[in-house]
Amino acid sequence: CMGGGFGAAARDTFKYSGKVRPGKQSPKRSVPKSISKPDYWKDGQPKARGPMLPWQIQKKSEADIEGMRAAGRIAREVLDLAGAAVAPGVTTEAIDALVHEAAVSRGAYPSPLNYHGFPKSCCTSVNEVICHGIPDSTKLRDGAARPTPRRQSSPAPLQP
């Protein structure tokens, strides 16, 4: 593997199974000071922990529930914009830039950014890249991206 974590410069010794190779990454984008940030935004290490046992259910307040609804709406809007941008010739970097700007313009922190050191605001996995593909200068080719239709009534989590 490339070694040194996400985005670190090193000699590429990974034994690839397909033809996709990493492109060039741009620097990590910043988030305005006015946006509330998660506990991992500085060092990449999440500190918050959920219940230890699955039957331990935390009761949410009306304010908590409304916040979850607002976050779900923002996630849906950002994912729809990202999906609409997928086309041959578009770089995964351009999709990340769009996702980042769409999230921060709505007052939201792009949750993948610096989560366990992930350097971008969304994941862009193409072809044999199974998950957590890092956006870079890779241009999408016809047939390389197959967006999955999503129902408006069930927002997908940002994974972005």
N, C-alpha and C. Protein backbone atom coordinates (compact mmCIF):
# COMPACT_ATOMS: atom_id res chain seq x y z
N CYS A 1 0.84 -1.18 0.00
CA CYS A 1 0.00 0.00 0.00
C CYS A 1 0.87 1.24 0.00
N MET A 2 0.22 2.38 -0.10
CA MET A 2 0.97 3.63 -0.21
C MET A 2 1.62 3.99 1.13
N GLY A 3 1.08 3.55 2.24
CA GLY A 3 1.67 3.81 3.54
C GLY A 3 1.49 5.23 4.01
N GLY A 4 1.50 5.43 5.32
CA GLY A 4 1.47 6.77 5.89
C GLY A 4 0.08 7.36 6.03
N GLY A 5 -0.98 6.62 5.76
CA GLY A 5 -2.33 7.13 5.94
C GLY A 5 -2.88 7.80 4.69
N PHE A 6 -4.05 8.34 4.79
CA PHE A 6 -4.73 8.97 3.67
C PHE A 6 -3.92 10.14 3.14
N GLY A 7 -3.69 10.14 1.84
CA GLY A 7 -3.08 11.28 1.19
C GLY A 7 -1.59 11.46 1.40
N ALA A 8 -0.95 10.61 2.16
CA ALA A 8 0.48 10.77 2.42
C ALA A 8 1.26 10.38 1.16
N ALA A 9 2.30 11.14 0.87
CA ALA A 9 3.14 10.84 -0.29
C ALA A 9 4.09 9.71 0.06
N ALA A 10 4.07 8.66 -0.74
CA ALA A 10 4.96 7.52 -0.53
C ALA A 10 5.04 6.74 -1.83
N ARG A 11 5.98 5.83 -1.89
CA ARG A 11 6.12 4.99 -3.07
C ARG A 11 4.96 4.00 -3.09
N ASP A 12 4.34 3.86 -4.26
CA ASP A 12 3.17 2.99 -4.41
C ASP A 12 3.62 1.55 -4.63
N THR A 13 3.45 0.69 -3.62
CA THR A 13 3.82 -0.71 -3.73
C THR A 13 2.60 -1.63 -3.66
N PHE A 14 1.40 -1.05 -3.68
CA PHE A 14 0.17 -1.84 -3.58
C PHE A 14 0.00 -2.72 -4.82
N LYS A 15 -0.43 -3.97 -4.62
CA LYS A 15 -0.65 -4.90 -5.73
C LYS A 15 -2.12 -4.77 -6.15
N TYR A 16 -2.36 -3.98 -7.18
CA TYR A 16 -3.71 -3.70 -7.66
C TYR A 16 -4.31 -4.92 -8.34
N SER A 17 -5.63 -5.06 -8.21
CA SER A 17 -6.32 -6.16 -8.87
C SER A 17 -6.93 -5.72 -10.20
N GLY A 18 -7.04 -4.44 -10.42
CA GLY A 18 -7.64 -3.93 -11.65
C GLY A 18 -6.81 -2.81 -12.23
N LYS A 19 -7.44 -1.98 -13.07
CA LYS A 19 -6.73 -0.94 -13.79
C LYS A 19 -6.78 0.44 -13.13
N VAL A 20 -7.65 0.63 -12.15
CA VAL A 20 -7.77 1.94 -11.51
C VAL A 20 -6.56 2.21 -10.65
N ARG A 21 -5.97 3.40 -10.82
CA ARG A 21 -4.84 3.85 -10.01
C ARG A 21 -5.17 5.20 -9.41
N PRO A 22 -4.62 5.53 -8.26
CA PRO A 22 -4.91 6.83 -7.66
C PRO A 22 -4.43 7.98 -8.54
N GLY A 23 -5.23 9.05 -8.57
CA GLY A 23 -4.84 10.27 -9.27
C GLY A 23 -4.20 11.22 -8.29
N LYS A 24 -4.07 12.46 -8.68
CA LYS A 24 -3.49 13.49 -7.81
C LYS A 24 -4.59 14.10 -6.94
N GLN A 25 -4.28 14.28 -5.66
CA GLN A 25 -5.22 14.88 -4.72
C GLN A 25 -4.90 16.35 -4.51
N SER A 26 -5.96 17.12 -4.38
CA SER A 26 -5.80 18.52 -4.02
C SER A 26 -5.68 18.60 -2.49
N PRO A 27 -5.26 19.75 -1.97
CA PRO A 27 -5.19 19.90 -0.51
C PRO A 27 -6.58 19.78 0.13
N LYS A 28 -6.57 19.45 1.41
CA LYS A 28 -7.81 19.34 2.17
C LYS A 28 -8.51 20.70 2.21
N ARG A 29 -9.82 20.69 2.02
CA ARG A 29 -10.60 21.93 2.06
C ARG A 29 -10.89 22.33 3.51
N SER A 30 -11.08 23.62 3.70
CA SER A 30 -11.37 24.12 5.04
C SER A 30 -12.87 24.34 5.20
N VAL A 31 -13.28 24.45 6.44
CA VAL A 31 -14.68 24.69 6.80
C VAL A 31 -14.73 26.00 7.56
N PRO A 32 -15.66 26.88 7.22
CA PRO A 32 -15.74 28.18 7.92
C PRO A 32 -15.88 28.02 9.43
N LYS A 33 -15.32 28.97 10.17
CA LYS A 33 -15.37 28.95 11.63
C LYS A 33 -16.80 28.97 12.16
N SER A 34 -17.72 29.53 11.37
CA SER A 34 -19.11 29.67 11.81
C SER A 34 -19.86 28.33 11.84
N ILE A 35 -19.30 27.30 11.24
CA ILE A 35 -19.98 25.99 11.18
C ILE A 35 -19.56 25.13 12.36
N SER A 36 -20.53 24.56 13.03
CA SER A 36 -20.28 23.65 14.15
C SER A 36 -19.52 22.43 13.63
N LYS A 37 -18.51 22.00 14.38
CA LYS A 37 -17.66 20.91 13.92
C LYS A 37 -17.76 19.70 14.84
N PRO A 38 -17.56 18.50 14.27
CA PRO A 38 -17.58 17.30 15.11
C PRO A 38 -16.32 17.19 15.96
N ASP A 39 -16.35 16.29 16.91
CA ASP A 39 -15.22 16.17 17.84
C ASP A 39 -13.93 15.68 17.17
N TYR A 40 -14.01 15.16 15.95
CA TYR A 40 -12.83 14.65 15.26
C TYR A 40 -12.24 15.63 14.26
N TRP A 41 -12.78 16.81 14.14
CA TRP A 41 -12.37 17.69 13.05
C TRP A 41 -10.90 18.08 13.08
N LYS A 42 -10.30 18.16 14.25
CA LYS A 42 -8.89 18.56 14.33
C LYS A 42 -7.93 17.37 14.17
N ASP A 43 -8.15 16.31 14.95
CA ASP A 43 -7.17 15.22 14.99
C ASP A 43 -7.62 13.94 14.28
N GLY A 44 -8.85 13.92 13.76
CA GLY A 44 -9.33 12.75 13.03
C GLY A 44 -9.86 11.62 13.90
N GLN A 45 -9.80 11.78 15.22
CA GLN A 45 -10.22 10.70 16.12
C GLN A 45 -11.57 11.02 16.78
N PRO A 46 -12.61 10.27 16.42
CA PRO A 46 -13.92 10.49 17.06
C PRO A 46 -13.85 10.15 18.55
N LYS A 47 -14.48 10.98 19.35
CA LYS A 47 -14.48 10.76 20.80
C LYS A 47 -15.83 10.30 21.32
N ALA A 48 -16.91 10.74 20.68
CA ALA A 48 -18.26 10.39 21.14
C ALA A 48 -18.50 8.90 20.96
N ARG A 49 -19.15 8.31 21.91
CA ARG A 49 -19.48 6.88 21.85
C ARG A 49 -20.97 6.71 22.10
N GLY A 50 -21.55 5.75 21.42
CA GLY A 50 -22.97 5.44 21.61
C GLY A 50 -23.15 4.49 22.79
N PRO A 51 -24.37 3.99 22.96
CA PRO A 51 -24.62 3.05 24.06
C PRO A 51 -23.77 1.79 23.91
N MET A 52 -23.37 1.22 25.02
CA MET A 52 -22.55 0.01 25.02
C MET A 52 -23.35 -1.22 24.60
N LEU A 53 -24.63 -1.22 24.89
CA LEU A 53 -25.48 -2.38 24.59
C LEU A 53 -26.60 -1.96 23.63
N PRO A 54 -26.94 -2.82 22.66
CA PRO A 54 -27.93 -2.42 21.64
C PRO A 54 -29.32 -2.13 22.19
N TRP A 55 -29.67 -2.64 23.34
CA TRP A 55 -31.00 -2.39 23.89
C TRP A 55 -31.04 -1.11 24.74
N GLN A 56 -29.91 -0.44 24.87
CA GLN A 56 -29.88 0.83 25.57
C GLN A 56 -30.30 1.91 24.57
N ILE A 57 -31.51 2.37 24.70
CA ILE A 57 -32.07 3.33 23.75
C ILE A 57 -32.12 4.71 24.39
N GLN A 58 -31.54 5.67 23.69
CA GLN A 58 -31.54 7.04 24.18
C GLN A 58 -32.81 7.74 23.67
N LYS A 59 -33.59 8.30 24.57
CA LYS A 59 -34.78 9.03 24.18
C LYS A 59 -34.37 10.39 23.63
N LYS A 60 -34.86 10.71 22.45
CA LYS A 60 -34.54 11.98 21.80
C LYS A 60 -35.59 13.03 22.14
N SER A 61 -35.13 14.25 22.31
CA SER A 61 -36.05 15.37 22.57
C SER A 61 -36.63 15.83 21.24
N GLU A 62 -37.64 16.68 21.29
CA GLU A 62 -38.21 17.24 20.05
C GLU A 62 -37.14 18.02 19.29
N ALA A 63 -36.29 18.74 20.01
CA ALA A 63 -35.21 19.50 19.36
C ALA A 63 -34.22 18.55 18.67
N ASP A 64 -33.90 17.42 19.33
CA ASP A 64 -33.02 16.42 18.72
C ASP A 64 -33.63 15.88 17.42
N ILE A 65 -34.90 15.56 17.49
CA ILE A 65 -35.59 14.98 16.33
C ILE A 65 -35.66 15.99 15.19
N GLU A 66 -35.94 17.23 15.50
CA GLU A 66 -35.98 18.26 14.45
C GLU A 66 -34.60 18.45 13.84
N GLY A 67 -33.55 18.40 14.67
CA GLY A 67 -32.19 18.48 14.15
C GLY A 67 -31.86 17.32 13.23
N MET A 68 -32.33 16.13 13.56
CA MET A 68 -32.11 14.96 12.71
C MET A 68 -32.85 15.11 11.37
N ARG A 69 -34.05 15.68 11.44
CA ARG A 69 -34.80 15.92 10.19
C ARG A 69 -34.08 16.93 9.30
N ALA A 70 -33.58 17.99 9.91
CA ALA A 70 -32.86 19.02 9.14
C ALA A 70 -31.60 18.42 8.53
N ALA A 71 -30.86 17.62 9.30
CA ALA A 71 -29.65 16.98 8.78
C ALA A 71 -29.99 16.04 7.63
N GLY A 72 -31.08 15.31 7.75
CA GLY A 72 -31.52 14.40 6.69
C GLY A 72 -31.86 15.15 5.41
N ARG A 73 -32.53 16.30 5.56
CA ARG A 73 -32.86 17.10 4.37
C ARG A 73 -31.60 17.60 3.68
N ILE A 74 -30.66 18.09 4.46
CA ILE A 74 -29.40 18.58 3.88
C ILE A 74 -28.66 17.43 3.19
N ALA A 75 -28.60 16.28 3.85
CA ALA A 75 -27.93 15.11 3.25
C ALA A 75 -28.58 14.75 1.92
N ARG A 76 -29.90 14.74 1.89
CA ARG A 76 -30.62 14.39 0.65
C ARG A 76 -30.28 15.39 -0.46
N GLU A 77 -30.30 16.68 -0.14
CA GLU A 77 -30.00 17.71 -1.14
C GLU A 77 -28.58 17.57 -1.68
N VAL A 78 -27.62 17.37 -0.78
CA VAL A 78 -26.22 17.26 -1.19
C VAL A 78 -26.00 16.00 -2.03
N LEU A 79 -26.59 14.88 -1.60
CA LEU A 79 -26.44 13.64 -2.37
C LEU A 79 -27.08 13.76 -3.76
N ASP A 80 -28.21 14.43 -3.84
CA ASP A 80 -28.84 14.63 -5.15
C ASP A 80 -27.95 15.46 -6.07
N LEU A 81 -27.33 16.51 -5.53
CA LEU A 81 -26.40 17.33 -6.33
C LEU A 81 -25.20 16.51 -6.79
N ALA A 82 -24.65 15.70 -5.89
CA ALA A 82 -23.50 14.87 -6.24
C ALA A 82 -23.87 13.87 -7.33
N GLY A 83 -25.01 13.23 -7.18
CA GLY A 83 -25.45 12.26 -8.18
C GLY A 83 -25.67 12.88 -9.54
N ALA A 84 -26.20 14.09 -9.55
CA ALA A 84 -26.45 14.79 -10.81
C ALA A 84 -25.15 15.19 -11.50
N ALA A 85 -24.07 15.33 -10.75
CA ALA A 85 -22.78 15.73 -11.31
C ALA A 85 -22.02 14.57 -11.95
N VAL A 86 -22.43 13.34 -11.65
CA VAL A 86 -21.72 12.17 -12.18
C VAL A 86 -21.94 12.07 -13.68
N ALA A 87 -20.84 12.15 -14.43
CA ALA A 87 -20.89 12.07 -15.89
C ALA A 87 -19.50 11.78 -16.42
N PRO A 88 -19.41 11.19 -17.61
CA PRO A 88 -18.09 10.96 -18.19
C PRO A 88 -17.30 12.27 -18.31
N GLY A 89 -16.01 12.22 -17.94
CA GLY A 89 -15.13 13.38 -18.02
C GLY A 89 -15.06 14.20 -16.76
N VAL A 90 -16.00 14.02 -15.85
CA VAL A 90 -15.99 14.76 -14.58
C VAL A 90 -14.99 14.07 -13.65
N THR A 91 -14.18 14.85 -12.96
CA THR A 91 -13.24 14.24 -12.01
C THR A 91 -13.94 13.99 -10.68
N THR A 92 -13.44 12.99 -9.97
CA THR A 92 -13.98 12.74 -8.64
C THR A 92 -13.67 13.92 -7.72
N GLU A 93 -12.58 14.64 -8.01
CA GLU A 93 -12.23 15.86 -7.27
C GLU A 93 -13.32 16.92 -7.44
N ALA A 94 -13.84 17.08 -8.67
CA ALA A 94 -14.90 18.06 -8.93
C ALA A 94 -16.16 17.71 -8.15
N ILE A 95 -16.46 16.41 -8.06
CA ILE A 95 -17.63 15.99 -7.29
C ILE A 95 -17.42 16.31 -5.81
N ASP A 96 -16.21 16.06 -5.31
CA ASP A 96 -15.90 16.38 -3.91
C ASP A 96 -16.03 17.88 -3.66
N ALA A 97 -15.53 18.69 -4.58
CA ALA A 97 -15.62 20.15 -4.42
C ALA A 97 -17.08 20.59 -4.36
N LEU A 98 -17.91 20.00 -5.20
CA LEU A 98 -19.34 20.32 -5.21
C LEU A 98 -19.99 19.91 -3.89
N VAL A 99 -19.69 18.71 -3.43
CA VAL A 99 -20.25 18.21 -2.16
C VAL A 99 -19.81 19.10 -1.00
N HIS A 100 -18.54 19.45 -0.97
CA HIS A 100 -18.02 20.29 0.11
C HIS A 100 -18.74 21.64 0.13
N GLU A 101 -18.80 22.29 -1.02
CA GLU A 101 -19.43 23.60 -1.11
C GLU A 101 -20.92 23.53 -0.78
N ALA A 102 -21.60 22.49 -1.27
CA ALA A 102 -23.03 22.34 -1.00
C ALA A 102 -23.28 22.15 0.50
N ALA A 103 -22.44 21.37 1.16
CA ALA A 103 -22.62 21.16 2.60
C ALA A 103 -22.37 22.44 3.38
N VAL A 104 -21.23 23.09 3.15
CA VAL A 104 -20.92 24.28 3.95
C VAL A 104 -21.86 25.44 3.62
N SER A 105 -22.35 25.54 2.39
CA SER A 105 -23.30 26.62 2.07
C SER A 105 -24.63 26.42 2.79
N ARG A 106 -24.88 25.21 3.26
CA ARG A 106 -26.09 24.92 4.03
C ARG A 106 -25.80 24.93 5.53
N GLY A 107 -24.59 25.35 5.89
CA GLY A 107 -24.23 25.43 7.31
C GLY A 107 -23.86 24.09 7.93
N ALA A 108 -23.51 23.10 7.08
CA ALA A 108 -23.21 21.76 7.59
C ALA A 108 -21.74 21.42 7.41
N TYR A 109 -21.23 20.62 8.33
CA TYR A 109 -19.87 20.09 8.22
C TYR A 109 -19.94 18.82 7.37
N PRO A 110 -19.11 18.70 6.33
CA PRO A 110 -19.11 17.48 5.52
C PRO A 110 -18.50 16.32 6.33
N SER A 111 -19.34 15.42 6.83
CA SER A 111 -18.92 14.46 7.85
C SER A 111 -17.72 13.58 7.53
N PRO A 112 -17.44 13.19 6.28
CA PRO A 112 -16.24 12.38 6.07
C PRO A 112 -14.93 13.14 6.28
N LEU A 113 -14.98 14.46 6.18
CA LEU A 113 -13.77 15.27 6.23
C LEU A 113 -13.02 15.09 7.54
N ASN A 114 -11.83 14.52 7.46
CA ASN A 114 -10.92 14.22 8.56
C ASN A 114 -11.42 13.16 9.52
N TYR A 115 -12.48 12.42 9.18
CA TYR A 115 -12.94 11.31 10.01
C TYR A 115 -11.91 10.20 9.89
N HIS A 116 -11.22 9.88 10.96
CA HIS A 116 -10.09 8.94 10.96
C HIS A 116 -9.06 9.34 9.91
N GLY A 117 -8.92 10.65 9.68
CA GLY A 117 -7.91 11.18 8.76
C GLY A 117 -8.33 11.22 7.30
N PHE A 118 -9.59 10.89 6.98
CA PHE A 118 -10.02 10.91 5.58
C PHE A 118 -9.92 12.34 5.06
N PRO A 119 -9.23 12.56 3.92
CA PRO A 119 -8.89 13.92 3.50
C PRO A 119 -9.94 14.68 2.70
N LYS A 120 -11.08 14.08 2.42
CA LYS A 120 -12.05 14.71 1.53
C LYS A 120 -13.44 14.74 2.15
N SER A 121 -14.36 15.39 1.43
CA SER A 121 -15.72 15.60 1.94
C SER A 121 -16.71 14.54 1.49
N CYS A 122 -16.30 13.64 0.60
CA CYS A 122 -17.14 12.51 0.20
C CYS A 122 -16.25 11.38 -0.27
N CYS A 123 -16.82 10.22 -0.42
CA CYS A 123 -16.12 9.06 -0.96
C CYS A 123 -16.56 8.88 -2.41
N THR A 124 -15.63 8.57 -3.29
CA THR A 124 -15.95 8.35 -4.70
C THR A 124 -15.29 7.06 -5.15
N SER A 125 -16.02 5.98 -5.08
CA SER A 125 -15.47 4.67 -5.43
C SER A 125 -15.93 4.27 -6.82
N VAL A 126 -14.98 4.05 -7.72
CA VAL A 126 -15.33 3.64 -9.08
C VAL A 126 -14.73 2.28 -9.39
N ASN A 127 -15.43 1.54 -10.22
CA ASN A 127 -15.00 0.23 -10.70
C ASN A 127 -14.58 -0.69 -9.56
N GLU A 128 -13.33 -1.18 -9.55
CA GLU A 128 -12.95 -2.17 -8.54
C GLU A 128 -12.62 -1.56 -7.18
N VAL A 129 -12.69 -0.25 -7.05
CA VAL A 129 -12.51 0.39 -5.74
C VAL A 129 -13.80 0.13 -4.98
N ILE A 130 -13.71 -0.68 -3.95
CA ILE A 130 -14.93 -1.16 -3.30
C ILE A 130 -15.59 -0.08 -2.45
N CYS A 131 -14.83 0.61 -1.63
CA CYS A 131 -15.42 1.64 -0.78
C CYS A 131 -14.37 2.65 -0.35
N HIS A 132 -14.84 3.79 0.11
CA HIS A 132 -13.99 4.86 0.63
C HIS A 132 -12.94 5.35 -0.36
N GLY A 133 -13.32 5.40 -1.64
CA GLY A 133 -12.41 5.96 -2.64
C GLY A 133 -12.18 7.43 -2.36
N ILE A 134 -10.93 7.86 -2.43
CA ILE A 134 -10.58 9.25 -2.15
C ILE A 134 -10.66 10.05 -3.44
N PRO A 135 -11.48 11.11 -3.47
CA PRO A 135 -11.59 11.94 -4.67
C PRO A 135 -10.23 12.50 -5.09
N ASP A 136 -10.00 12.49 -6.41
CA ASP A 136 -8.73 12.98 -6.94
C ASP A 136 -8.93 13.40 -8.39
N SER A 137 -7.85 13.44 -9.15
CA SER A 137 -7.91 13.90 -10.54
C SER A 137 -8.47 12.86 -11.51
N THR A 138 -8.87 11.72 -11.01
CA THR A 138 -9.43 10.67 -11.86
C THR A 138 -10.69 11.16 -12.56
N LYS A 139 -10.71 11.02 -13.89
CA LYS A 139 -11.90 11.39 -14.66
C LYS A 139 -12.78 10.16 -14.82
N LEU A 140 -14.06 10.35 -14.60
CA LEU A 140 -15.01 9.26 -14.81
C LEU A 140 -15.11 8.96 -16.29
N ARG A 141 -15.21 7.69 -16.60
CA ARG A 141 -15.40 7.26 -17.99
C ARG A 141 -16.81 6.73 -18.15
N ASP A 142 -17.29 6.72 -19.38
CA ASP A 142 -18.61 6.18 -19.66
C ASP A 142 -18.66 4.73 -19.18
N GLY A 143 -19.63 4.43 -18.36
CA GLY A 143 -19.77 3.09 -17.82
C GLY A 143 -19.02 2.88 -16.51
N ALA A 144 -18.16 3.81 -16.13
CA ALA A 144 -17.38 3.66 -14.89
C ALA A 144 -18.21 3.99 -13.66
N ALA A 145 -19.20 4.82 -13.83
CA ALA A 145 -20.03 5.21 -12.69
C ALA A 145 -21.47 4.84 -12.98
N ARG A 146 -22.08 4.18 -12.05
CA ARG A 146 -23.48 3.81 -12.20
C ARG A 146 -24.23 4.30 -10.97
N PRO A 147 -24.75 5.54 -11.03
CA PRO A 147 -25.45 6.05 -9.86
C PRO A 147 -26.66 5.18 -9.53
N THR A 148 -26.90 4.95 -8.26
CA THR A 148 -28.04 4.16 -7.83
C THR A 148 -29.22 5.09 -7.60
N PRO A 149 -30.37 4.81 -8.25
CA PRO A 149 -31.54 5.65 -7.98
C PRO A 149 -31.92 5.56 -6.51
N ARG A 150 -32.26 6.68 -5.93
CA ARG A 150 -32.66 6.71 -4.52
C ARG A 150 -34.06 7.28 -4.41
N ARG A 151 -34.83 6.72 -3.50
CA ARG A 151 -36.16 7.25 -3.25
C ARG A 151 -36.05 8.50 -2.40
N GLN A 152 -36.85 9.49 -2.69
CA GLN A 152 -36.82 10.73 -1.92
C GLN A 152 -37.25 10.51 -0.48
N SER A 153 -38.05 9.49 -0.21
CA SER A 153 -38.58 9.31 1.12
C SER A 153 -37.60 8.66 2.10
N SER A 154 -36.48 8.12 1.61
CA SER A 154 -35.54 7.49 2.52
C SER A 154 -34.13 8.01 2.29
N PRO A 155 -33.76 9.08 3.00
CA PRO A 155 -32.43 9.65 2.79
C PRO A 155 -31.32 8.69 3.16
N ALA A 156 -30.31 8.65 2.32
CA ALA A 156 -29.13 7.82 2.61
C ALA A 156 -28.19 8.64 3.49
N PRO A 157 -27.43 7.96 4.35
CA PRO A 157 -26.49 8.70 5.20
C PRO A 157 -25.38 9.32 4.37
N LEU A 158 -24.89 10.47 4.80
CA LEU A 158 -23.74 11.07 4.13
C LEU A 158 -22.53 10.18 4.37
N GLN A 159 -21.95 9.77 3.29
CA GLN A 159 -20.73 9.00 3.43
C GLN A 159 -19.66 9.51 2.49
N PRO A 160 -20.21 10.34 2.33
CA PRO A 160 -20.05 11.20 2.02
C PRO A 160 -20.43 10.41 3.29
